[in-house]
Amino acid sequence: MGTLKTESARTRLDLLAPPVAAAVQVWPDEAPVDVDEVLVAPIDADLADTAAFCEAYEVGLEESANCVVVAGKRGGETRYAACVVLATTRADVNGVVRKLLDVRKASFAPMAEAVELSGMEYGGITPIGLPADWPILVDSRVIATPHVIIGSGVRHSKIALPGPALGALPGARVVEDLARPA
């Protein structure tokens, strides 16, 4: 986990966006990963973007996961999904994601929309605590990673947790080849 100073997320709810803190507080006892394995670390908000974060905190790109919000329309209805991919890859938005959303065209959701609907800060959006009706598409490489670093809903901290935990989130679906190498 590089030079991050991690603590239990459950005891540092102040480092999480409100929807993320709420999700941590109701973490299911039967979850395959105990809530005490969900850690959080404060970071410099100016270093929240993946490349700068990894360099500053000595975290490998292969241990860093990104969560992007994708939107597509079908029959006048906008459908959203969160895609969780390793920083060494890019989500296949107009291939795999578009088909899974069952829309003609998919694209990254506009920043203002993603922020408003998620209740999280841009650049810090995480799959933990997203709206319950959004599917969470997790690339299979993420759950094969023993520990990953992901956003916390805010730019001034990061969450560290076992990769398999992301595939076990409510609404999560593990997808082979959701992403392509960057």
N, C-alpha and C. Protein backbone atom coordinates (compact mmCIF):
# COMPACT_ATOMS: atom_id res chain seq x y z
N MET A 1 0.81 -1.19 0.00
CA MET A 1 0.00 0.00 0.00
C MET A 1 0.86 1.27 0.00
N GLY A 2 2.06 1.13 -0.48
CA GLY A 2 2.94 2.28 -0.60
C GLY A 2 3.18 2.94 0.75
N THR A 3 3.16 4.27 0.77
CA THR A 3 3.44 5.01 1.99
C THR A 3 2.16 5.50 2.68
N LEU A 4 1.01 4.98 2.29
CA LEU A 4 -0.25 5.38 2.90
C LEU A 4 -0.30 4.99 4.37
N LYS A 5 -0.89 5.84 5.17
CA LYS A 5 -1.11 5.57 6.60
C LYS A 5 -2.58 5.21 6.76
N THR A 6 -2.89 3.92 6.73
CA THR A 6 -4.28 3.48 6.74
C THR A 6 -4.82 3.25 8.15
N GLU A 7 -6.12 3.43 8.26
CA GLU A 7 -6.85 3.18 9.50
C GLU A 7 -8.16 2.51 9.10
N SER A 8 -8.85 1.93 10.06
CA SER A 8 -10.15 1.33 9.78
C SER A 8 -11.11 2.41 9.30
N ALA A 9 -11.75 2.16 8.16
CA ALA A 9 -12.72 3.12 7.63
C ALA A 9 -13.88 3.31 8.61
N ARG A 10 -14.21 2.26 9.30
CA ARG A 10 -15.33 2.31 10.25
C ARG A 10 -15.06 3.31 11.38
N THR A 11 -13.81 3.53 11.72
CA THR A 11 -13.48 4.46 12.79
C THR A 11 -13.09 5.84 12.27
N ARG A 12 -13.01 5.99 10.94
CA ARG A 12 -12.64 7.28 10.35
C ARG A 12 -13.66 7.69 9.30
N LEU A 13 -14.92 7.69 9.69
CA LEU A 13 -15.99 8.07 8.77
C LEU A 13 -15.84 9.50 8.27
N ASP A 14 -15.10 10.32 9.01
CA ASP A 14 -14.85 11.70 8.60
C ASP A 14 -14.02 11.79 7.32
N LEU A 15 -13.36 10.70 6.95
CA LEU A 15 -12.54 10.68 5.73
C LEU A 15 -13.33 10.15 4.53
N LEU A 16 -14.63 9.93 4.70
CA LEU A 16 -15.45 9.35 3.64
C LEU A 16 -16.60 10.29 3.27
N ALA A 17 -17.02 10.23 2.00
CA ALA A 17 -18.22 10.96 1.59
C ALA A 17 -19.41 10.37 2.34
N PRO A 18 -20.44 11.15 2.60
CA PRO A 18 -21.59 10.65 3.36
C PRO A 18 -22.19 9.32 2.86
N PRO A 19 -22.40 9.12 1.54
CA PRO A 19 -22.96 7.83 1.14
C PRO A 19 -22.00 6.66 1.36
N VAL A 20 -20.71 6.92 1.31
CA VAL A 20 -19.71 5.89 1.56
C VAL A 20 -19.69 5.54 3.05
N ALA A 21 -19.72 6.56 3.89
CA ALA A 21 -19.76 6.33 5.33
C ALA A 21 -21.01 5.54 5.71
N ALA A 22 -22.14 5.87 5.10
CA ALA A 22 -23.38 5.14 5.39
C ALA A 22 -23.26 3.67 4.99
N ALA A 23 -22.64 3.40 3.85
CA ALA A 23 -22.47 2.01 3.39
C ALA A 23 -21.53 1.24 4.32
N VAL A 24 -20.48 1.88 4.79
CA VAL A 24 -19.54 1.22 5.70
C VAL A 24 -20.25 0.89 7.02
N GLN A 25 -21.11 1.78 7.48
CA GLN A 25 -21.81 1.56 8.75
C GLN A 25 -22.80 0.40 8.70
N VAL A 26 -23.29 0.06 7.51
CA VAL A 26 -24.24 -1.05 7.39
C VAL A 26 -23.62 -2.24 6.64
N TRP A 27 -22.30 -2.31 6.65
CA TRP A 27 -21.58 -3.40 5.98
C TRP A 27 -22.12 -4.73 6.49
N PRO A 28 -22.57 -5.61 5.60
CA PRO A 28 -23.19 -6.86 6.07
C PRO A 28 -22.20 -7.79 6.78
N ASP A 29 -22.68 -8.37 7.87
CA ASP A 29 -21.85 -9.33 8.62
C ASP A 29 -21.48 -10.53 7.76
N GLU A 30 -22.37 -10.90 6.82
CA GLU A 30 -22.13 -12.08 5.99
C GLU A 30 -21.26 -11.77 4.75
N ALA A 31 -20.82 -10.53 4.61
CA ALA A 31 -19.97 -10.17 3.47
C ALA A 31 -18.70 -11.02 3.50
N PRO A 32 -18.17 -11.37 2.32
CA PRO A 32 -16.96 -12.19 2.27
C PRO A 32 -15.72 -11.48 2.80
N VAL A 33 -15.79 -10.18 2.93
CA VAL A 33 -14.69 -9.40 3.48
C VAL A 33 -15.23 -8.62 4.67
N ASP A 34 -14.59 -8.77 5.81
CA ASP A 34 -15.01 -8.09 7.03
C ASP A 34 -14.81 -6.59 6.88
N VAL A 35 -15.70 -5.82 7.48
CA VAL A 35 -15.62 -4.36 7.39
C VAL A 35 -14.29 -3.85 7.94
N ASP A 36 -13.68 -4.57 8.86
CA ASP A 36 -12.39 -4.14 9.41
C ASP A 36 -11.25 -4.24 8.40
N GLU A 37 -11.50 -4.91 7.27
CA GLU A 37 -10.50 -4.97 6.19
C GLU A 37 -10.65 -3.81 5.22
N VAL A 38 -11.65 -2.96 5.43
CA VAL A 38 -11.84 -1.75 4.62
C VAL A 38 -11.12 -0.63 5.36
N LEU A 39 -10.04 -0.16 4.75
CA LEU A 39 -9.19 0.84 5.38
C LEU A 39 -9.28 2.15 4.62
N VAL A 40 -8.94 3.23 5.29
CA VAL A 40 -8.93 4.54 4.65
C VAL A 40 -7.65 5.27 5.05
N ALA A 41 -7.16 6.10 4.14
CA ALA A 41 -5.96 6.88 4.41
C ALA A 41 -6.16 8.30 3.91
N PRO A 42 -5.78 9.29 4.71
CA PRO A 42 -5.84 10.67 4.22
C PRO A 42 -4.75 10.88 3.18
N ILE A 43 -5.07 11.71 2.19
CA ILE A 43 -4.07 12.08 1.17
C ILE A 43 -4.22 13.57 0.87
N ASP A 44 -3.28 14.09 0.16
CA ASP A 44 -3.35 15.48 -0.32
C ASP A 44 -4.37 15.50 -1.47
N ALA A 45 -5.43 16.29 -1.34
CA ALA A 45 -6.49 16.34 -2.36
C ALA A 45 -5.95 16.73 -3.73
N ASP A 46 -4.88 17.49 -3.77
CA ASP A 46 -4.29 17.88 -5.05
C ASP A 46 -3.60 16.71 -5.75
N LEU A 47 -3.43 15.60 -5.03
CA LEU A 47 -2.78 14.42 -5.59
C LEU A 47 -3.76 13.26 -5.77
N ALA A 48 -5.06 13.55 -5.83
CA ALA A 48 -6.08 12.50 -5.90
C ALA A 48 -6.12 11.80 -7.25
N ASP A 49 -5.74 12.49 -8.33
CA ASP A 49 -5.77 11.85 -9.65
C ASP A 49 -4.77 10.71 -9.68
N THR A 50 -5.12 9.63 -10.34
CA THR A 50 -4.41 8.36 -10.26
C THR A 50 -2.90 8.46 -10.44
N ALA A 51 -2.45 9.04 -11.53
CA ALA A 51 -1.01 9.07 -11.80
C ALA A 51 -0.26 9.84 -10.72
N ALA A 52 -0.76 11.01 -10.35
CA ALA A 52 -0.11 11.81 -9.32
C ALA A 52 -0.14 11.09 -7.97
N PHE A 53 -1.28 10.48 -7.64
CA PHE A 53 -1.42 9.75 -6.39
C PHE A 53 -0.41 8.61 -6.32
N CYS A 54 -0.37 7.78 -7.35
CA CYS A 54 0.52 6.61 -7.36
C CYS A 54 1.97 7.02 -7.20
N GLU A 55 2.36 8.08 -7.89
CA GLU A 55 3.75 8.54 -7.79
C GLU A 55 4.04 9.08 -6.39
N ALA A 56 3.18 9.91 -5.86
CA ALA A 56 3.42 10.55 -4.57
C ALA A 56 3.41 9.56 -3.41
N TYR A 57 2.53 8.55 -3.49
CA TYR A 57 2.37 7.62 -2.36
C TYR A 57 2.96 6.23 -2.63
N GLU A 58 3.74 6.13 -3.71
CA GLU A 58 4.45 4.90 -4.05
C GLU A 58 3.54 3.67 -4.13
N VAL A 59 2.41 3.88 -4.79
CA VAL A 59 1.44 2.80 -5.03
C VAL A 59 1.52 2.44 -6.50
N GLY A 60 1.63 1.16 -6.81
CA GLY A 60 1.70 0.73 -8.19
C GLY A 60 0.37 0.90 -8.91
N LEU A 61 0.43 1.26 -10.18
CA LEU A 61 -0.81 1.39 -10.97
C LEU A 61 -1.62 0.09 -10.96
N GLU A 62 -0.93 -1.04 -10.85
CA GLU A 62 -1.61 -2.34 -10.86
C GLU A 62 -2.34 -2.60 -9.54
N GLU A 63 -2.13 -1.75 -8.53
CA GLU A 63 -2.83 -1.85 -7.24
C GLU A 63 -3.89 -0.77 -7.09
N SER A 64 -3.99 0.10 -8.07
CA SER A 64 -4.91 1.22 -8.01
C SER A 64 -6.09 0.95 -8.94
N ALA A 65 -7.30 1.12 -8.41
CA ALA A 65 -8.51 0.90 -9.22
C ALA A 65 -9.23 2.22 -9.39
N ASN A 66 -9.84 2.39 -10.54
CA ASN A 66 -10.64 3.57 -10.84
C ASN A 66 -12.10 3.18 -10.96
N CYS A 67 -12.97 4.06 -10.53
CA CYS A 67 -14.41 3.87 -10.68
C CYS A 67 -14.92 4.99 -11.56
N VAL A 68 -15.47 4.62 -12.71
CA VAL A 68 -16.02 5.63 -13.63
C VAL A 68 -17.52 5.39 -13.78
N VAL A 69 -18.25 6.49 -13.86
CA VAL A 69 -19.70 6.42 -14.04
C VAL A 69 -20.00 6.56 -15.52
N VAL A 70 -20.77 5.60 -16.03
CA VAL A 70 -21.13 5.56 -17.45
C VAL A 70 -22.63 5.73 -17.57
N ALA A 71 -23.05 6.41 -18.62
CA ALA A 71 -24.48 6.62 -18.86
C ALA A 71 -24.82 6.28 -20.30
N GLY A 72 -26.03 5.81 -20.50
CA GLY A 72 -26.54 5.54 -21.84
C GLY A 72 -28.05 5.66 -21.80
N LYS A 73 -28.66 5.92 -22.96
CA LYS A 73 -30.12 6.08 -23.01
C LYS A 73 -30.76 4.96 -23.79
N ARG A 74 -31.95 4.60 -23.32
CA ARG A 74 -32.78 3.61 -24.01
C ARG A 74 -34.23 4.00 -23.75
N GLY A 75 -34.97 4.24 -24.82
CA GLY A 75 -36.38 4.61 -24.67
C GLY A 75 -36.60 5.86 -23.83
N GLY A 76 -35.71 6.84 -23.94
CA GLY A 76 -35.85 8.07 -23.19
C GLY A 76 -35.37 7.99 -21.74
N GLU A 77 -35.00 6.81 -21.30
CA GLU A 77 -34.53 6.60 -19.93
C GLU A 77 -33.00 6.57 -19.93
N THR A 78 -32.40 7.31 -18.99
CA THR A 78 -30.94 7.26 -18.84
C THR A 78 -30.60 6.14 -17.88
N ARG A 79 -29.69 5.29 -18.29
CA ARG A 79 -29.21 4.18 -17.46
C ARG A 79 -27.78 4.45 -17.06
N TYR A 80 -27.50 4.26 -15.78
CA TYR A 80 -26.17 4.50 -15.24
C TYR A 80 -25.55 3.19 -14.77
N ALA A 81 -24.25 3.15 -14.81
CA ALA A 81 -23.50 2.04 -14.24
C ALA A 81 -22.16 2.58 -13.76
N ALA A 82 -21.62 1.93 -12.75
CA ALA A 82 -20.27 2.23 -12.29
C ALA A 82 -19.37 1.13 -12.81
N CYS A 83 -18.24 1.50 -13.37
CA CYS A 83 -17.27 0.53 -13.87
C CYS A 83 -16.01 0.64 -13.03
N VAL A 84 -15.57 -0.50 -12.50
CA VAL A 84 -14.38 -0.52 -11.66
C VAL A 84 -13.31 -1.30 -12.41
N VAL A 85 -12.22 -0.59 -12.72
CA VAL A 85 -11.13 -1.18 -13.50
C VAL A 85 -9.80 -0.79 -12.89
N LEU A 86 -8.78 -1.59 -13.11
CA LEU A 86 -7.44 -1.24 -12.64
C LEU A 86 -6.91 -0.04 -13.41
N ALA A 87 -6.03 0.72 -12.81
CA ALA A 87 -5.46 1.91 -13.44
C ALA A 87 -4.61 1.56 -14.66
N THR A 88 -4.23 0.31 -14.81
CA THR A 88 -3.45 -0.12 -15.97
C THR A 88 -4.35 -0.44 -17.17
N THR A 89 -5.67 -0.26 -16.99
CA THR A 89 -6.64 -0.58 -18.04
C THR A 89 -7.61 0.57 -18.23
N ARG A 90 -8.42 0.45 -19.27
CA ARG A 90 -9.49 1.42 -19.55
C ARG A 90 -10.77 0.64 -19.81
N ALA A 91 -11.88 1.10 -19.23
CA ALA A 91 -13.17 0.44 -19.42
C ALA A 91 -13.56 0.47 -20.90
N ASP A 92 -14.07 -0.65 -21.38
CA ASP A 92 -14.55 -0.75 -22.77
C ASP A 92 -15.99 -0.22 -22.80
N VAL A 93 -16.11 1.10 -22.77
CA VAL A 93 -17.41 1.76 -22.63
C VAL A 93 -18.33 1.47 -23.80
N ASN A 94 -17.85 1.60 -25.03
CA ASN A 94 -18.75 1.42 -26.16
C ASN A 94 -18.78 0.01 -26.72
N GLY A 95 -18.17 -0.91 -26.01
CA GLY A 95 -18.27 -2.32 -26.37
C GLY A 95 -19.01 -3.06 -25.28
N VAL A 96 -18.26 -3.56 -24.33
CA VAL A 96 -18.81 -4.40 -23.25
C VAL A 96 -19.84 -3.63 -22.40
N VAL A 97 -19.50 -2.43 -21.95
CA VAL A 97 -20.40 -1.68 -21.06
C VAL A 97 -21.71 -1.34 -21.78
N ARG A 98 -21.62 -0.87 -23.00
CA ARG A 98 -22.82 -0.52 -23.77
C ARG A 98 -23.76 -1.72 -23.87
N LYS A 99 -23.22 -2.88 -24.15
CA LYS A 99 -24.05 -4.09 -24.27
C LYS A 99 -24.68 -4.46 -22.93
N LEU A 100 -23.92 -4.36 -21.87
CA LEU A 100 -24.46 -4.71 -20.55
C LEU A 100 -25.55 -3.73 -20.10
N LEU A 101 -25.42 -2.47 -20.49
CA LEU A 101 -26.46 -1.48 -20.16
C LEU A 101 -27.65 -1.57 -21.11
N ASP A 102 -27.47 -2.31 -22.21
CA ASP A 102 -28.51 -2.45 -23.24
C ASP A 102 -28.94 -1.08 -23.77
N VAL A 103 -27.94 -0.31 -24.23
CA VAL A 103 -28.18 1.01 -24.81
C VAL A 103 -27.46 1.09 -26.15
N ARG A 104 -27.90 2.04 -26.98
CA ARG A 104 -27.28 2.22 -28.30
C ARG A 104 -25.87 2.77 -28.20
N LYS A 105 -25.70 3.74 -27.29
CA LYS A 105 -24.41 4.39 -27.12
C LYS A 105 -24.20 4.66 -25.64
N ALA A 106 -23.01 4.41 -25.17
CA ALA A 106 -22.66 4.69 -23.78
C ALA A 106 -21.48 5.66 -23.77
N SER A 107 -21.44 6.48 -22.74
CA SER A 107 -20.32 7.40 -22.59
C SER A 107 -20.15 7.71 -21.11
N PHE A 108 -19.03 8.34 -20.78
CA PHE A 108 -18.82 8.74 -19.40
C PHE A 108 -19.92 9.74 -19.04
N ALA A 109 -20.52 9.58 -17.89
CA ALA A 109 -21.56 10.51 -17.45
C ALA A 109 -20.94 11.90 -17.27
N PRO A 110 -21.68 12.95 -17.59
CA PRO A 110 -21.16 14.29 -17.36
C PRO A 110 -20.78 14.47 -15.89
N MET A 111 -19.71 15.20 -15.65
CA MET A 111 -19.18 15.36 -14.30
C MET A 111 -20.25 15.84 -13.32
N ALA A 112 -20.98 16.88 -13.66
CA ALA A 112 -21.98 17.43 -12.73
C ALA A 112 -23.05 16.40 -12.39
N GLU A 113 -23.46 15.62 -13.38
CA GLU A 113 -24.46 14.56 -13.16
C GLU A 113 -23.91 13.48 -12.24
N ALA A 114 -22.71 13.01 -12.52
CA ALA A 114 -22.10 11.95 -11.71
C ALA A 114 -21.94 12.40 -10.26
N VAL A 115 -21.53 13.63 -10.05
CA VAL A 115 -21.34 14.16 -8.70
C VAL A 115 -22.69 14.29 -7.99
N GLU A 116 -23.66 14.88 -8.66
CA GLU A 116 -24.97 15.09 -8.03
C GLU A 116 -25.65 13.77 -7.68
N LEU A 117 -25.66 12.83 -8.61
CA LEU A 117 -26.37 11.57 -8.39
C LEU A 117 -25.66 10.64 -7.41
N SER A 118 -24.34 10.71 -7.35
CA SER A 118 -23.60 9.83 -6.45
C SER A 118 -23.44 10.40 -5.05
N GLY A 119 -23.50 11.73 -4.94
CA GLY A 119 -23.24 12.38 -3.64
C GLY A 119 -21.76 12.37 -3.30
N MET A 120 -20.92 12.20 -4.31
CA MET A 120 -19.47 12.12 -4.11
C MET A 120 -18.77 13.19 -4.94
N GLU A 121 -17.51 13.42 -4.62
CA GLU A 121 -16.72 14.40 -5.35
C GLU A 121 -16.14 13.80 -6.63
N TYR A 122 -16.06 14.62 -7.68
CA TYR A 122 -15.44 14.18 -8.91
C TYR A 122 -13.98 13.87 -8.64
N GLY A 123 -13.53 12.75 -9.13
CA GLY A 123 -12.15 12.33 -8.88
C GLY A 123 -12.03 11.47 -7.63
N GLY A 124 -13.14 11.29 -6.93
CA GLY A 124 -13.12 10.46 -5.73
C GLY A 124 -14.23 9.42 -5.72
N ILE A 125 -15.03 9.38 -6.79
CA ILE A 125 -16.17 8.47 -6.83
C ILE A 125 -15.71 7.03 -6.66
N THR A 126 -16.44 6.31 -5.83
CA THR A 126 -16.12 4.93 -5.49
C THR A 126 -17.38 4.08 -5.65
N PRO A 127 -17.25 2.78 -5.85
CA PRO A 127 -18.44 1.95 -5.97
C PRO A 127 -19.17 1.72 -4.65
N ILE A 128 -18.51 2.01 -3.55
CA ILE A 128 -19.12 1.81 -2.23
C ILE A 128 -20.07 2.98 -1.94
N GLY A 129 -21.35 2.67 -1.77
CA GLY A 129 -22.32 3.71 -1.45
C GLY A 129 -23.00 4.36 -2.63
N LEU A 130 -22.84 3.81 -3.81
CA LEU A 130 -23.53 4.37 -4.98
C LEU A 130 -25.02 4.05 -4.93
N PRO A 131 -25.84 4.76 -5.72
CA PRO A 131 -27.27 4.46 -5.74
C PRO A 131 -27.53 2.97 -5.99
N ALA A 132 -28.47 2.41 -5.25
CA ALA A 132 -28.74 0.97 -5.28
C ALA A 132 -29.19 0.47 -6.66
N ASP A 133 -29.76 1.34 -7.48
CA ASP A 133 -30.24 0.89 -8.78
C ASP A 133 -29.16 0.94 -9.88
N TRP A 134 -27.96 1.35 -9.54
CA TRP A 134 -26.87 1.35 -10.50
C TRP A 134 -26.14 0.01 -10.44
N PRO A 135 -25.99 -0.67 -11.57
CA PRO A 135 -25.12 -1.85 -11.54
C PRO A 135 -23.67 -1.41 -11.34
N ILE A 136 -22.94 -2.23 -10.62
CA ILE A 136 -21.50 -2.00 -10.44
C ILE A 136 -20.80 -3.10 -11.22
N LEU A 137 -20.16 -2.71 -12.31
CA LEU A 137 -19.46 -3.65 -13.17
C LEU A 137 -17.99 -3.65 -12.78
N VAL A 138 -17.51 -4.80 -12.34
CA VAL A 138 -16.15 -4.91 -11.83
C VAL A 138 -15.34 -5.81 -12.76
N ASP A 139 -14.28 -5.26 -13.31
CA ASP A 139 -13.41 -6.07 -14.17
C ASP A 139 -12.82 -7.21 -13.35
N SER A 140 -12.75 -8.38 -13.93
CA SER A 140 -12.26 -9.57 -13.21
C SER A 140 -10.83 -9.41 -12.72
N ARG A 141 -10.03 -8.56 -13.37
CA ARG A 141 -8.66 -8.32 -12.90
C ARG A 141 -8.63 -7.63 -11.54
N VAL A 142 -9.68 -6.84 -11.26
CA VAL A 142 -9.74 -6.13 -9.97
C VAL A 142 -9.91 -7.13 -8.84
N ILE A 143 -10.83 -8.08 -9.00
CA ILE A 143 -11.05 -9.02 -7.90
C ILE A 143 -9.93 -10.04 -7.78
N ALA A 144 -9.10 -10.14 -8.80
CA ALA A 144 -7.93 -11.04 -8.74
C ALA A 144 -6.74 -10.37 -8.04
N THR A 145 -6.89 -9.08 -7.71
CA THR A 145 -5.83 -8.33 -7.06
C THR A 145 -6.00 -8.43 -5.54
N PRO A 146 -4.99 -8.89 -4.83
CA PRO A 146 -5.14 -9.10 -3.38
C PRO A 146 -5.63 -7.86 -2.62
N HIS A 147 -5.05 -6.69 -2.91
CA HIS A 147 -5.46 -5.45 -2.28
C HIS A 147 -5.43 -4.34 -3.32
N VAL A 148 -6.44 -3.49 -3.30
CA VAL A 148 -6.49 -2.37 -4.23
C VAL A 148 -6.77 -1.07 -3.47
N ILE A 149 -6.40 0.01 -4.11
CA ILE A 149 -6.68 1.35 -3.60
C ILE A 149 -7.73 1.95 -4.53
N ILE A 150 -8.75 2.55 -3.95
CA ILE A 150 -9.83 3.15 -4.74
C ILE A 150 -10.28 4.43 -4.05
N GLY A 151 -11.06 5.22 -4.74
CA GLY A 151 -11.57 6.47 -4.16
C GLY A 151 -12.40 6.22 -2.92
N SER A 152 -12.64 7.29 -2.18
CA SER A 152 -13.41 7.22 -0.94
C SER A 152 -14.66 8.08 -0.99
N GLY A 153 -14.92 8.64 -2.17
CA GLY A 153 -16.05 9.55 -2.32
C GLY A 153 -15.65 11.00 -2.18
N VAL A 154 -14.43 11.22 -1.67
CA VAL A 154 -13.86 12.56 -1.54
C VAL A 154 -12.44 12.52 -2.09
N ARG A 155 -11.89 13.68 -2.40
CA ARG A 155 -10.55 13.72 -2.99
C ARG A 155 -9.44 13.68 -1.93
N HIS A 156 -9.76 13.89 -0.66
CA HIS A 156 -8.70 13.98 0.36
C HIS A 156 -8.43 12.65 1.08
N SER A 157 -8.91 11.55 0.53
CA SER A 157 -8.57 10.24 1.10
C SER A 157 -8.76 9.15 0.06
N LYS A 158 -8.24 7.97 0.37
CA LYS A 158 -8.39 6.79 -0.48
C LYS A 158 -8.75 5.60 0.40
N ILE A 159 -9.45 4.64 -0.19
CA ILE A 159 -9.80 3.41 0.50
C ILE A 159 -8.89 2.30 0.01
N ALA A 160 -8.44 1.46 0.94
CA ALA A 160 -7.66 0.27 0.62
C ALA A 160 -8.47 -0.92 1.10
N LEU A 161 -8.64 -1.92 0.24
CA LEU A 161 -9.40 -3.11 0.62
C LEU A 161 -9.03 -4.26 -0.28
N PRO A 162 -9.37 -5.49 0.11
CA PRO A 162 -9.10 -6.63 -0.76
C PRO A 162 -9.89 -6.50 -2.07
N GLY A 163 -9.25 -6.78 -3.19
CA GLY A 163 -9.93 -6.70 -4.48
C GLY A 163 -11.23 -7.49 -4.53
N PRO A 164 -11.27 -8.72 -3.98
CA PRO A 164 -12.51 -9.49 -4.02
C PRO A 164 -13.70 -8.79 -3.37
N ALA A 165 -13.45 -7.87 -2.44
CA ALA A 165 -14.55 -7.16 -1.78
C ALA A 165 -15.37 -6.35 -2.78
N LEU A 166 -14.71 -5.82 -3.81
CA LEU A 166 -15.42 -5.01 -4.80
C LEU A 166 -16.39 -5.84 -5.62
N GLY A 167 -16.05 -7.09 -5.86
CA GLY A 167 -16.95 -7.97 -6.59
C GLY A 167 -18.11 -8.46 -5.75
N ALA A 168 -18.02 -8.27 -4.44
CA ALA A 168 -19.08 -8.72 -3.53
C ALA A 168 -19.99 -7.58 -3.07
N LEU A 169 -19.78 -6.37 -3.57
CA LEU A 169 -20.64 -5.25 -3.18
C LEU A 169 -22.07 -5.49 -3.67
N PRO A 170 -23.06 -4.94 -2.97
CA PRO A 170 -24.44 -5.06 -3.46
C PRO A 170 -24.54 -4.48 -4.88
N GLY A 171 -25.15 -5.21 -5.78
CA GLY A 171 -25.31 -4.75 -7.16
C GLY A 171 -24.10 -4.98 -8.04
N ALA A 172 -23.05 -5.60 -7.50
CA ALA A 172 -21.83 -5.81 -8.28
C ALA A 172 -21.95 -7.03 -9.17
N ARG A 173 -21.33 -6.92 -10.31
CA ARG A 173 -21.24 -8.02 -11.27
C ARG A 173 -19.81 -8.06 -11.79
N VAL A 174 -19.16 -9.19 -11.61
CA VAL A 174 -17.79 -9.34 -12.11
C VAL A 174 -17.87 -9.67 -13.60
N VAL A 175 -17.11 -8.92 -14.40
CA VAL A 175 -17.18 -9.05 -15.86
C VAL A 175 -15.79 -9.32 -16.40
N GLU A 176 -15.66 -10.42 -17.14
CA GLU A 176 -14.40 -10.71 -17.84
C GLU A 176 -14.20 -9.67 -18.94
N ASP A 177 -13.00 -9.16 -19.06
CA ASP A 177 -12.65 -8.23 -20.14
C ASP A 177 -13.53 -6.99 -20.19
N LEU A 178 -13.94 -6.50 -19.03
CA LEU A 178 -14.68 -5.22 -18.96
C LEU A 178 -13.77 -4.09 -19.42
N ALA A 179 -12.47 -4.30 -19.24
CA ALA A 179 -11.48 -3.29 -19.59
C ALA A 179 -10.45 -3.84 -20.54
N ARG A 180 -9.76 -2.92 -21.19
CA ARG A 180 -8.66 -3.26 -22.09
C ARG A 180 -7.39 -2.63 -21.55
N PRO A 181 -6.24 -3.21 -21.83
CA PRO A 181 -5.00 -2.58 -21.36
C PRO A 181 -4.90 -1.14 -21.85
N ALA A 182 -4.39 -0.29 -20.97
CA ALA A 182 -4.26 1.16 -21.31
C ALA A 182 -3.15 1.37 -22.32
